[in-house]
Amino acid sequence: MEQRLTLQQKLLQKLSPQQIQVIKLLEIPTMQLEQRIKKELEENPVLEMESDNPLQTDDAASSETDENRDADNEEFSVDDYYEDDEIPTYKLNTNNYSKDDKYIDIPFSAGITFHEFLYEQLGLANLSDEEQQLAEYIIGNIDDDGYLRRDLMAISDDLAFNMNLDIPEKKLEQILLSIQQFDPAGIAARNLRECLMLQLRRKEGEEYDLAKVIVKDFFTEFTKKHYDKISGKLELTDEKLKKGIEQVLKLNPKPGSSYSNPMNKSNQHIVPDFLLDNIDGDLNLSLNQRNVPNLIINDAYQDMLRNLSESQKNKKNDKEAMMFVKQKMDSAKWFIDAIQQRQTTLLLSMSEIISFQKEYFEDGDETKLRPMILKDIAERTNLDISTISRVSNSKYIQTHFGIYPLKYFFSEGLQKDDGEEVSTREIKKILQGCIENEDKRKPLTDEKLAQILKVKSYNIARRTVAKYREQLGIPVARLRKEL
């Protein structure tokens, strides 16, 4: 095949480094922005916070001469980047305590993992060395919910292949029974039924005896809420059956998750990106600049770059220093511009969202939320839909009626019989209200809910009702049934 060289002309659109930086900053919320700014301050010596600028002095200090001011403000010099001399260690150590100061060593608690908690109990069990080894292997196969999801025969095969141990399944069953006596109750169960039975065996009382019968003999009927079949076979009144079912519902279906490990707790702390105040009916929007400082360029580096560029010397070190300072100054300017552009874009987008949903933001009535999609705000701001998506992602606004994610205000729309367009969120709220007020003995089916909405002029199909119900996290009517 003959090879040829051809010349083609293509029109390509590429993002500049500054545009990429703006996009990345636009995506992150306020809390992560603080960390991003701190990282940039550490990596770029040219960038500094306005409050840290030594040129921000009072009137008394302004009388200093230019020579003294330049000398005092010059934090870095070219030599700082090339000198290898280290500061003696004794100059970096301080001791601000006297002999009379009282020093208190405050202890802190360090948590252990869930499996370590089981291994500790294993050390107290009356087992032989071989049984201890097998028990450790079984515990290692218990998941974080506290269940042993693997079959004992599969574990026996693993022991034969990996550890060259021929252990019959019956012996593993005996060791598993010992592990199931550990805390928390219900641990090492192979299914939900066994987990509930392990917990009930540690409880005594007439109501628990009935709960044991329900879980042991009528577990399928219980999970499907066929209470009439259980009461009919056991010849129980609804009141007595209800007491037994209540004891089952109090049990923990995931005993492993109930183990409190302070090292694994993750409490999400929400920092709102926007602050909205309602002052006598006027809505005032502002950005949350909690710990976001004003950034400036260090004047000392600007003077340094000017001096290096005006210098007639062509030393290699001077050229390298000038290139280094120029690169850092360009990076600092890009970062400051990106922060300012981020703030402008956020305020513009949020202002249009508030303008679009003004009736809702005045009093927080959810039924006043209008149908709104990303395209609506993109058209009002003349921004791209992807930009609006980045603005609404992981951002929160603090209002006088609560803190909400920006995605909360976006919803699809439907038309009522009279032609009025309403938000799907309004329909979901009506559905939720109907389900909360229903007779739990005879819960409303999706078909009946659709009929109720139709009476209210919301002509919605049954499958759409089912979709909204699932989005609200509400189970089907059969699973909502109560005695």
Protein backbone atom coordinates (compact mmCIF):
# COMPACT_ATOMS: atom_id res chain seq x y z
CA MET A 1 0.00 0.00 0.00
CA GLU A 2 1.39 3.37 -1.02
CA GLN A 3 1.96 5.86 1.77
CA ARG A 4 1.26 9.54 1.19
CA LEU A 5 1.60 12.71 3.17
CA THR A 6 -1.48 14.90 3.20
CA LEU A 7 -2.14 18.32 4.72
CA GLN A 8 -5.46 18.78 6.53
CA GLN A 9 -6.94 21.85 8.13
CA LYS A 10 -9.12 21.30 11.21
CA LEU A 11 -10.92 23.68 13.51
CA LEU A 12 -10.51 22.51 17.12
CA GLN A 13 -11.65 24.07 20.35
CA LYS A 14 -9.41 23.53 23.35
CA LEU A 15 -9.76 24.81 26.88
CA SER A 16 -7.03 27.02 28.20
CA PRO A 17 -5.40 26.19 31.55
CA GLN A 18 -7.28 29.12 33.11
CA GLN A 19 -10.63 27.85 31.83
CA ILE A 20 -9.90 24.38 33.20
CA GLN A 21 -9.05 25.94 36.55
CA VAL A 22 -12.32 27.91 36.61
CA ILE A 23 -14.32 24.76 35.83
CA LYS A 24 -12.64 22.81 38.63
CA LEU A 25 -13.16 25.61 41.15
CA LEU A 26 -16.78 26.00 40.10
CA GLU A 27 -17.54 22.37 40.91
CA ILE A 28 -16.27 22.36 44.49
CA PRO A 29 -18.31 23.65 47.48
CA THR A 30 -17.15 26.29 49.95
CA MET A 31 -15.52 23.89 52.41
CA GLN A 32 -13.35 22.31 49.72
CA LEU A 33 -12.59 25.76 48.29
CA GLU A 34 -10.97 26.73 51.59
CA GLN A 35 -8.70 23.69 51.40
CA ARG A 36 -7.91 24.40 47.74
CA ILE A 37 -6.89 27.98 48.55
CA LYS A 38 -4.69 26.82 51.44
CA LYS A 39 -2.98 24.34 49.13
CA GLU A 40 -2.35 27.06 46.52
CA LEU A 41 -0.94 29.39 49.21
CA GLU A 42 1.48 26.66 50.29
CA GLU A 43 2.63 25.85 46.77
CA ASN A 44 2.89 29.39 45.40
CA PRO A 45 4.99 31.82 47.50
CA VAL A 46 3.92 34.75 45.27
CA LEU A 47 0.31 34.36 46.40
CA GLU A 48 -0.72 35.63 49.83
CA MET A 49 -3.76 36.64 51.82
CA GLU A 50 -4.55 40.34 51.89
CA SER A 51 -4.49 40.41 55.69
CA ASP A 52 -0.96 38.99 55.63
CA ASN A 53 0.35 41.67 53.30
CA PRO A 54 2.98 43.66 55.20
CA LEU A 55 2.14 46.72 53.09
CA GLN A 56 -1.27 46.99 54.79
CA THR A 57 -0.08 49.29 57.57
CA ASP A 58 -1.66 52.07 59.57
CA ASP A 59 -1.06 55.82 59.18
CA ALA A 60 1.80 55.83 61.65
CA ALA A 61 3.71 53.18 59.74
CA SER A 62 3.09 54.95 56.42
CA SER A 63 5.63 57.60 57.38
CA GLU A 64 8.46 55.13 56.92
CA THR A 65 10.83 55.71 54.06
CA ASP A 66 10.60 53.66 50.89
CA GLU A 67 13.98 52.11 51.56
CA ASN A 68 13.01 50.86 55.02
CA ARG A 69 9.63 49.64 53.81
CA ASP A 70 11.18 47.66 50.97
CA ALA A 71 13.66 46.12 53.33
CA ASP A 72 11.01 45.12 55.84
CA ASN A 73 8.56 43.76 53.29
CA GLU A 74 11.02 41.66 51.33
CA GLU A 75 10.22 38.19 52.63
CA PHE A 76 12.13 36.34 49.94
CA SER A 77 15.13 36.98 47.80
CA VAL A 78 16.73 35.16 44.92
CA ASP A 79 19.38 33.77 47.24
CA ASP A 80 16.69 32.03 49.30
CA TYR A 81 16.16 29.58 46.46
CA TYR A 82 19.83 28.70 46.02
CA GLU A 83 21.39 28.79 49.48
CA ASP A 84 21.90 25.40 51.05
CA ASP A 85 22.66 26.66 54.53
CA GLU A 86 20.34 25.17 57.12
CA ILE A 87 19.12 26.95 60.25
CA PRO A 88 20.50 25.38 63.43
CA THR A 89 18.00 23.18 65.22
CA TYR A 90 18.26 25.09 68.50
CA LYS A 91 16.91 28.21 66.78
CA LEU A 92 13.76 26.38 65.73
CA ASN A 93 12.88 25.11 69.22
CA THR A 94 10.93 27.10 71.79
CA ASN A 95 10.00 26.40 75.39
CA ASN A 96 7.27 28.68 76.65
CA TYR A 97 6.53 26.74 79.84
CA SER A 98 7.91 27.52 83.26
CA LYS A 99 8.37 25.12 86.14
CA ASP A 100 5.26 26.53 87.82
CA ASP A 101 2.99 25.82 84.87
CA LYS A 102 0.61 22.90 85.36
CA TYR A 103 0.73 20.44 82.50
CA ILE A 104 -2.25 18.14 82.08
CA ASP A 105 -2.02 15.14 79.82
CA ILE A 106 -5.54 14.64 78.45
CA PRO A 107 -6.15 11.02 77.41
CA PHE A 108 -8.11 10.17 74.29
CA SER A 109 -9.89 7.01 73.30
CA ALA A 110 -8.96 5.14 70.14
CA GLY A 111 -11.60 2.86 68.68
CA ILE A 112 -11.15 -0.65 67.33
CA THR A 113 -12.69 -2.14 64.24
CA PHE A 114 -15.70 -4.43 64.27
CA HIS A 115 -13.61 -7.50 63.46
CA GLU A 116 -11.06 -6.64 66.15
CA PHE A 117 -13.95 -6.57 68.62
CA LEU A 118 -14.84 -10.13 67.57
CA TYR A 119 -11.21 -11.28 67.80
CA GLU A 120 -11.05 -9.95 71.38
CA GLN A 121 -14.04 -12.08 72.32
CA LEU A 122 -12.47 -15.05 70.57
CA GLY A 123 -9.55 -14.83 72.96
CA LEU A 124 -11.96 -15.42 75.85
CA ALA A 125 -13.64 -18.43 74.23
CA ASN A 126 -12.82 -21.97 75.42
CA LEU A 127 -11.38 -23.29 72.17
CA SER A 128 -8.32 -25.30 71.23
CA ASP A 129 -5.51 -23.81 69.16
CA GLU A 130 -6.82 -25.42 65.98
CA GLU A 131 -10.36 -24.26 66.72
CA GLN A 132 -9.05 -20.75 67.41
CA GLN A 133 -7.39 -20.74 64.00
CA LEU A 134 -10.57 -21.91 62.27
CA ALA A 135 -12.68 -19.39 64.18
CA GLU A 136 -10.36 -16.57 63.07
CA TYR A 137 -10.84 -17.66 59.46
CA ILE A 138 -14.64 -17.68 59.84
CA ILE A 139 -14.62 -14.25 61.50
CA GLY A 140 -12.57 -12.95 58.60
CA ASN A 141 -15.43 -13.93 56.27
CA ILE A 142 -18.07 -12.02 58.27
CA ASP A 143 -19.11 -8.82 56.49
CA ASP A 144 -19.63 -5.38 58.04
CA ASP A 145 -23.34 -6.06 58.57
CA GLY A 146 -22.43 -9.02 60.77
CA TYR A 147 -23.49 -11.79 58.35
CA LEU A 148 -21.55 -14.84 57.19
CA ARG A 149 -22.52 -14.73 53.52
CA ARG A 150 -20.29 -17.64 52.47
CA ASP A 151 -21.34 -21.28 52.64
CA LEU A 152 -19.47 -23.46 55.14
CA MET A 153 -18.65 -25.96 52.39
CA ALA A 154 -16.92 -23.17 50.43
CA ILE A 155 -14.95 -22.21 53.54
CA SER A 156 -13.96 -25.88 54.00
CA ASP A 157 -12.67 -25.95 50.41
CA ASP A 158 -10.66 -22.75 51.01
CA LEU A 159 -9.04 -24.27 54.08
CA ALA A 160 -8.09 -27.36 52.10
CA PHE A 161 -6.55 -25.43 49.20
CA ASN A 162 -4.95 -22.51 51.05
CA MET A 163 -4.00 -23.97 54.43
CA ASN A 164 -3.89 -27.70 53.64
CA LEU A 165 -6.46 -28.42 56.36
CA ASP A 166 -9.12 -31.07 55.87
CA ILE A 167 -11.93 -29.75 58.05
CA PRO A 168 -15.41 -31.30 57.73
CA GLU A 169 -18.39 -28.98 57.44
CA LYS A 170 -19.86 -30.34 60.67
CA LYS A 171 -16.88 -29.14 62.70
CA LEU A 172 -17.07 -25.69 61.12
CA GLU A 173 -20.76 -25.64 62.10
CA GLN A 174 -19.82 -26.23 65.74
CA ILE A 175 -17.28 -23.43 65.72
CA LEU A 176 -19.82 -21.13 64.02
CA LEU A 177 -22.30 -21.83 66.84
CA SER A 178 -19.64 -20.67 69.33
CA ILE A 179 -19.06 -17.44 67.37
CA GLN A 180 -22.82 -16.79 67.27
CA GLN A 181 -22.71 -16.47 71.07
CA PHE A 182 -20.53 -13.37 70.74
CA ASP A 183 -21.79 -9.83 71.03
CA PRO A 184 -23.63 -8.14 69.48
CA ALA A 185 -26.54 -10.58 69.40
CA GLY A 186 -27.29 -11.99 65.97
CA ILE A 187 -23.69 -11.99 64.80
CA ALA A 188 -22.40 -14.53 62.24
CA ALA A 189 -25.91 -15.37 60.99
CA ARG A 190 -26.21 -16.75 57.48
CA ASN A 191 -29.54 -15.10 56.69
CA LEU A 192 -32.02 -12.65 58.18
CA ARG A 193 -34.19 -15.37 59.71
CA GLU A 194 -31.27 -16.89 61.61
CA CYS A 195 -30.12 -13.41 62.68
CA LEU A 196 -33.50 -12.61 64.25
CA MET A 197 -33.71 -16.01 65.94
CA LEU A 198 -30.25 -15.57 67.49
CA GLN A 199 -31.41 -12.31 69.05
CA LEU A 200 -34.74 -13.73 70.26
CA ARG A 201 -33.04 -16.68 71.96
CA ARG A 202 -31.42 -14.23 74.38
CA LYS A 203 -34.80 -12.79 75.39
CA GLU A 204 -37.47 -14.19 77.67
CA GLY A 205 -41.17 -13.45 78.08
CA GLU A 206 -44.53 -14.42 76.62
CA GLU A 207 -44.38 -11.81 73.88
CA TYR A 208 -40.91 -13.06 72.89
CA ASP A 209 -42.16 -16.66 72.77
CA LEU A 210 -44.75 -15.58 70.22
CA ALA A 211 -42.10 -13.64 68.28
CA LYS A 212 -39.96 -16.79 68.13
CA VAL A 213 -42.88 -18.78 66.68
CA ILE A 214 -43.54 -16.06 64.08
CA VAL A 215 -39.90 -15.95 62.91
CA LYS A 216 -39.39 -19.72 63.02
CA ASP A 217 -42.62 -21.00 61.46
CA PHE A 218 -44.21 -18.02 59.69
CA PHE A 219 -41.26 -16.00 58.45
CA THR A 220 -42.46 -15.89 54.82
CA GLU A 221 -45.93 -14.72 55.87
CA PHE A 222 -44.35 -12.15 58.18
CA THR A 223 -42.11 -10.64 55.48
CA LYS A 224 -45.08 -10.42 53.09
CA LYS A 225 -47.30 -9.03 55.87
CA HIS A 226 -49.92 -11.72 55.50
CA TYR A 227 -50.98 -11.21 59.09
CA ASP A 228 -54.39 -12.74 58.59
CA LYS A 229 -52.79 -16.10 57.74
CA ILE A 230 -50.62 -15.99 60.87
CA SER A 231 -53.50 -15.06 63.19
CA GLY A 232 -55.73 -17.70 61.57
CA LYS A 233 -53.26 -20.57 62.01
CA LEU A 234 -52.23 -19.56 65.53
CA GLU A 235 -55.79 -18.57 66.52
CA LEU A 236 -54.66 -15.20 67.86
CA THR A 237 -56.45 -11.91 68.21
CA ASP A 238 -55.09 -8.97 66.27
CA GLU A 239 -54.01 -7.29 69.51
CA LYS A 240 -51.96 -10.29 70.68
CA LEU A 241 -50.42 -10.80 67.24
CA LYS A 242 -49.52 -7.12 67.14
CA LYS A 243 -47.54 -7.42 70.40
CA GLY A 244 -45.55 -10.35 69.03
CA ILE A 245 -44.81 -8.55 65.74
CA GLU A 246 -43.70 -5.43 67.64
CA GLN A 247 -41.00 -7.48 69.38
CA VAL A 248 -39.71 -8.74 66.03
CA LEU A 249 -39.63 -5.23 64.59
CA LYS A 250 -37.51 -4.05 67.53
CA LEU A 251 -34.71 -6.44 66.56
CA ASN A 252 -31.66 -5.28 64.61
CA PRO A 253 -31.49 -6.77 61.09
CA LYS A 254 -27.83 -5.64 60.79
CA PRO A 255 -26.11 -6.34 64.11
CA GLY A 256 -22.68 -5.49 62.71
CA SER A 257 -23.69 -1.93 61.90
CA SER A 258 -24.90 -1.39 65.47
CA TYR A 259 -21.34 -1.71 66.77
CA SER A 260 -20.26 1.83 67.61
CA ASN A 261 -16.72 2.51 66.46
CA PRO A 262 -15.72 6.13 67.14
CA MET A 263 -12.92 5.91 64.57
CA ASN A 264 -15.33 5.11 61.75
CA LYS A 265 -17.98 7.73 62.42
CA SER A 266 -18.37 10.21 59.61
CA ASN A 267 -20.57 13.15 60.53
CA GLN A 268 -21.27 15.25 57.49
CA HIS A 269 -20.92 18.94 58.24
CA ILE A 270 -22.73 21.09 55.71
CA VAL A 271 -21.38 24.57 55.03
CA PRO A 272 -23.84 26.62 52.93
CA ASP A 273 -22.37 28.25 49.85
CA PHE A 274 -25.07 30.94 49.71
CA LEU A 275 -26.83 32.99 52.39
CA LEU A 276 -30.33 34.28 51.72
CA ASP A 277 -31.92 36.79 54.10
CA ASN A 278 -35.53 37.95 53.99
CA ILE A 279 -35.55 41.52 55.32
CA ASP A 280 -39.05 42.99 55.29
CA GLY A 281 -39.94 41.05 52.16
CA ASP A 282 -36.71 41.86 50.33
CA LEU A 283 -34.54 38.85 49.48
CA ASN A 284 -30.81 39.57 49.91
CA LEU A 285 -28.41 36.99 48.45
CA SER A 286 -24.74 36.77 49.37
CA LEU A 287 -21.89 34.29 49.05
CA ASN A 288 -20.66 32.59 52.17
CA GLN A 289 -17.09 33.90 52.45
CA ARG A 290 -16.60 32.32 55.87
CA ASN A 291 -12.93 31.41 55.64
CA VAL A 292 -12.26 32.39 52.03
CA PRO A 293 -9.63 35.16 52.16
CA ASN A 294 -8.95 37.91 49.65
CA LEU A 295 -5.88 36.91 47.66
CA ILE A 296 -3.23 39.29 46.35
CA ILE A 297 0.24 39.05 44.81
CA ASN A 298 3.20 39.71 47.05
CA ASP A 299 4.74 43.08 46.14
CA ALA A 300 8.20 41.85 47.04
CA TYR A 301 8.12 39.40 44.15
CA GLN A 302 6.90 42.07 41.75
CA ASP A 303 9.87 44.25 42.71
CA MET A 304 12.16 41.25 42.41
CA LEU A 305 10.94 40.49 38.90
CA ARG A 306 11.31 44.13 37.89
CA ASN A 307 14.87 44.30 39.23
CA LEU A 308 15.85 41.05 37.55
CA SER A 309 14.44 42.12 34.20
CA GLU A 310 16.19 45.52 34.36
CA SER A 311 19.49 44.01 35.39
CA GLN A 312 22.19 44.03 32.72
CA LYS A 313 23.83 40.92 34.12
CA ASN A 314 23.30 37.70 32.23
CA LYS A 315 23.99 35.34 35.05
CA LYS A 316 22.42 31.94 34.72
CA ASN A 317 21.05 32.07 38.27
CA ASP A 318 19.36 35.42 37.59
CA LYS A 319 17.64 34.08 34.48
CA GLU A 320 16.43 30.99 36.29
CA ALA A 321 15.15 33.09 39.18
CA MET A 322 13.34 35.45 36.80
CA MET A 323 11.66 32.54 35.01
CA PHE A 324 10.65 31.01 38.34
CA VAL A 325 9.12 34.25 39.66
CA LYS A 326 7.34 34.98 36.37
CA GLN A 327 5.84 31.51 36.28
CA LYS A 328 4.61 31.79 39.86
CA MET A 329 3.18 35.27 39.24
CA ASP A 330 1.25 34.08 36.18
CA SER A 331 -0.09 31.14 38.16
CA ALA A 332 -1.15 33.44 41.01
CA LYS A 333 -2.94 35.83 38.62
CA TRP A 334 -4.77 32.94 36.97
CA PHE A 335 -5.86 31.60 40.34
CA ILE A 336 -7.12 34.98 41.58
CA ASP A 337 -9.04 35.53 38.33
CA ALA A 338 -10.51 32.03 38.57
CA ILE A 339 -11.74 32.68 42.13
CA GLN A 340 -13.35 35.97 41.07
CA GLN A 341 -14.97 34.35 38.03
CA ARG A 342 -16.27 31.54 40.24
CA GLN A 343 -17.91 34.01 42.60
CA THR A 344 -19.49 35.97 39.72
CA THR A 345 -20.88 32.81 38.09
CA LEU A 346 -22.27 31.46 41.38
CA LEU A 347 -24.01 34.71 42.27
CA LEU A 348 -25.45 35.13 38.78
CA SER A 349 -26.83 31.59 38.66
CA MET A 350 -28.26 31.64 42.18
CA SER A 351 -29.85 35.06 41.61
CA GLU A 352 -31.72 33.71 38.59
CA ILE A 353 -32.84 30.63 40.54
CA ILE A 354 -34.25 32.88 43.27
CA SER A 355 -35.89 35.11 40.68
CA PHE A 356 -37.47 32.06 39.01
CA GLN A 357 -38.71 30.65 42.33
CA LYS A 358 -39.40 33.97 44.08
CA GLU A 359 -42.79 32.95 45.51
CA TYR A 360 -41.25 29.88 47.10
CA PHE A 361 -38.27 31.69 48.62
CA GLU A 362 -40.53 34.28 50.24
CA ASP A 363 -42.16 31.82 52.67
CA GLY A 364 -40.75 28.35 51.90
CA ASP A 365 -44.08 26.84 50.86
CA GLU A 366 -43.14 23.74 48.85
CA THR A 367 -46.36 23.85 46.83
CA LYS A 368 -45.18 27.15 45.29
CA LEU A 369 -42.14 25.55 43.66
CA ARG A 370 -42.42 26.02 39.91
CA PRO A 371 -41.20 23.40 37.42
CA MET A 372 -37.59 24.27 36.66
CA ILE A 373 -34.84 22.50 34.76
CA LEU A 374 -31.20 23.35 34.10
CA LYS A 375 -32.06 24.68 30.67
CA ASP A 376 -34.34 27.36 32.15
CA ILE A 377 -31.52 28.88 34.23
CA ALA A 378 -28.99 28.47 31.41
CA GLU A 379 -31.19 30.55 29.10
CA ARG A 380 -31.71 33.28 31.72
CA THR A 381 -27.97 33.54 32.50
CA ASN A 382 -26.67 32.95 28.95
CA LEU A 383 -24.45 30.22 30.37
CA ASP A 384 -24.02 26.65 29.22
CA ILE A 385 -26.17 23.92 30.78
CA SER A 386 -23.01 22.14 31.95
CA THR A 387 -22.01 25.29 33.85
CA ILE A 388 -25.38 25.43 35.63
CA SER A 389 -25.01 21.75 36.43
CA ARG A 390 -21.64 22.40 38.05
CA VAL A 391 -23.07 25.32 40.01
CA SER A 392 -25.93 23.23 41.41
CA ASN A 393 -23.77 20.21 42.20
CA SER A 394 -22.89 19.79 45.91
CA LYS A 395 -23.91 23.38 46.72
CA TYR A 396 -26.22 24.48 49.53
CA ILE A 397 -28.13 27.64 50.36
CA GLN A 398 -29.10 28.80 53.83
CA THR A 399 -32.54 30.42 53.94
CA HIS A 400 -34.77 31.67 56.75
CA PHE A 401 -36.67 28.37 56.57
CA GLY A 402 -33.74 25.94 56.40
CA ILE A 403 -30.67 24.76 54.47
CA TYR A 404 -31.32 23.13 51.10
CA PRO A 405 -29.20 21.70 48.28
CA LEU A 406 -29.51 23.61 45.03
CA LYS A 407 -30.69 20.47 43.22
CA TYR A 408 -33.77 20.56 45.46
CA PHE A 409 -35.19 23.49 43.47
CA PHE A 410 -34.99 21.70 40.12
CA SER A 411 -37.92 19.50 39.14
CA GLU A 412 -39.91 18.45 36.12
CA GLY A 413 -43.35 19.82 35.35
CA LEU A 414 -46.79 18.43 34.60
CA GLN A 415 -49.96 20.07 33.38
CA LYS A 416 -53.22 19.88 35.31
CA ASP A 417 -56.53 19.42 33.59
CA ASP A 418 -57.06 23.18 33.58
CA GLY A 419 -53.74 23.72 31.75
CA GLU A 420 -51.79 24.99 34.77
CA GLU A 421 -48.21 23.70 34.92
CA VAL A 422 -47.16 22.37 38.33
CA SER A 423 -43.97 20.91 39.73
CA THR A 424 -43.64 17.18 40.29
CA ARG A 425 -42.48 18.04 43.79
CA GLU A 426 -45.96 19.39 44.54
CA ILE A 427 -47.47 16.10 43.37
CA LYS A 428 -45.04 14.13 45.52
CA LYS A 429 -46.03 16.17 48.56
CA ILE A 430 -49.72 15.38 47.94
CA LEU A 431 -48.85 11.69 47.57
CA GLN A 432 -46.87 11.72 50.80
CA GLY A 433 -49.75 13.40 52.63
CA CYS A 434 -52.24 10.82 51.34
CA ILE A 435 -50.03 7.93 52.45
CA GLU A 436 -49.38 9.45 55.88
CA ASN A 437 -53.13 9.81 56.52
CA GLU A 438 -54.20 6.44 55.09
CA ASP A 439 -55.71 3.61 57.09
CA LYS A 440 -52.73 1.37 57.80
CA ARG A 441 -55.02 -1.67 57.99
CA LYS A 442 -55.98 -1.03 54.36
CA PRO A 443 -53.20 1.03 52.73
CA LEU A 444 -53.89 2.89 49.50
CA THR A 445 -52.72 1.11 46.38
CA ASP A 446 -51.06 2.96 43.50
CA GLU A 447 -54.32 2.70 41.56
CA LYS A 448 -56.29 4.37 44.36
CA LEU A 449 -53.63 7.06 44.74
CA ALA A 450 -53.88 7.79 41.02
CA GLN A 451 -57.67 8.15 41.40
CA ILE A 452 -57.24 10.58 44.31
CA LEU A 453 -54.86 12.70 42.24
CA LYS A 454 -57.27 12.64 39.33
CA VAL A 455 -60.00 14.07 41.57
CA LYS A 456 -57.55 16.88 42.42
CA SER A 457 -57.12 17.58 38.65
CA TYR A 458 -53.77 15.75 38.43
CA ASN A 459 -54.27 13.31 35.56
CA ILE A 460 -51.40 10.88 36.27
CA ALA A 461 -51.06 7.23 35.30
CA ARG A 462 -50.64 4.51 37.91
CA ARG A 463 -47.08 3.72 36.80
CA THR A 464 -46.14 7.40 37.26
CA VAL A 465 -47.57 7.28 40.79
CA ALA A 466 -45.45 4.19 41.44
CA LYS A 467 -42.33 6.01 40.16
CA TYR A 468 -42.93 9.02 42.44
CA ARG A 469 -43.64 6.73 45.40
CA GLU A 470 -40.36 4.90 44.87
CA GLN A 471 -38.49 8.20 44.61
CA LEU A 472 -39.95 9.14 48.00
CA GLY A 473 -38.70 5.84 49.44
CA ILE A 474 -42.20 4.62 50.27
CA PRO A 475 -42.88 0.86 49.94
CA VAL A 476 -45.88 -0.65 48.18
CA ALA A 477 -49.26 -0.83 49.90
CA ARG A 478 -48.81 -4.46 51.00
CA LEU A 479 -45.62 -3.61 52.91
CA ARG A 480 -47.21 -0.58 54.57
CA LYS A 481 -49.93 -2.69 56.16
CA GLU A 482 -50.14 -2.63 59.95
CA LEU A 483 -52.41 -4.24 62.52
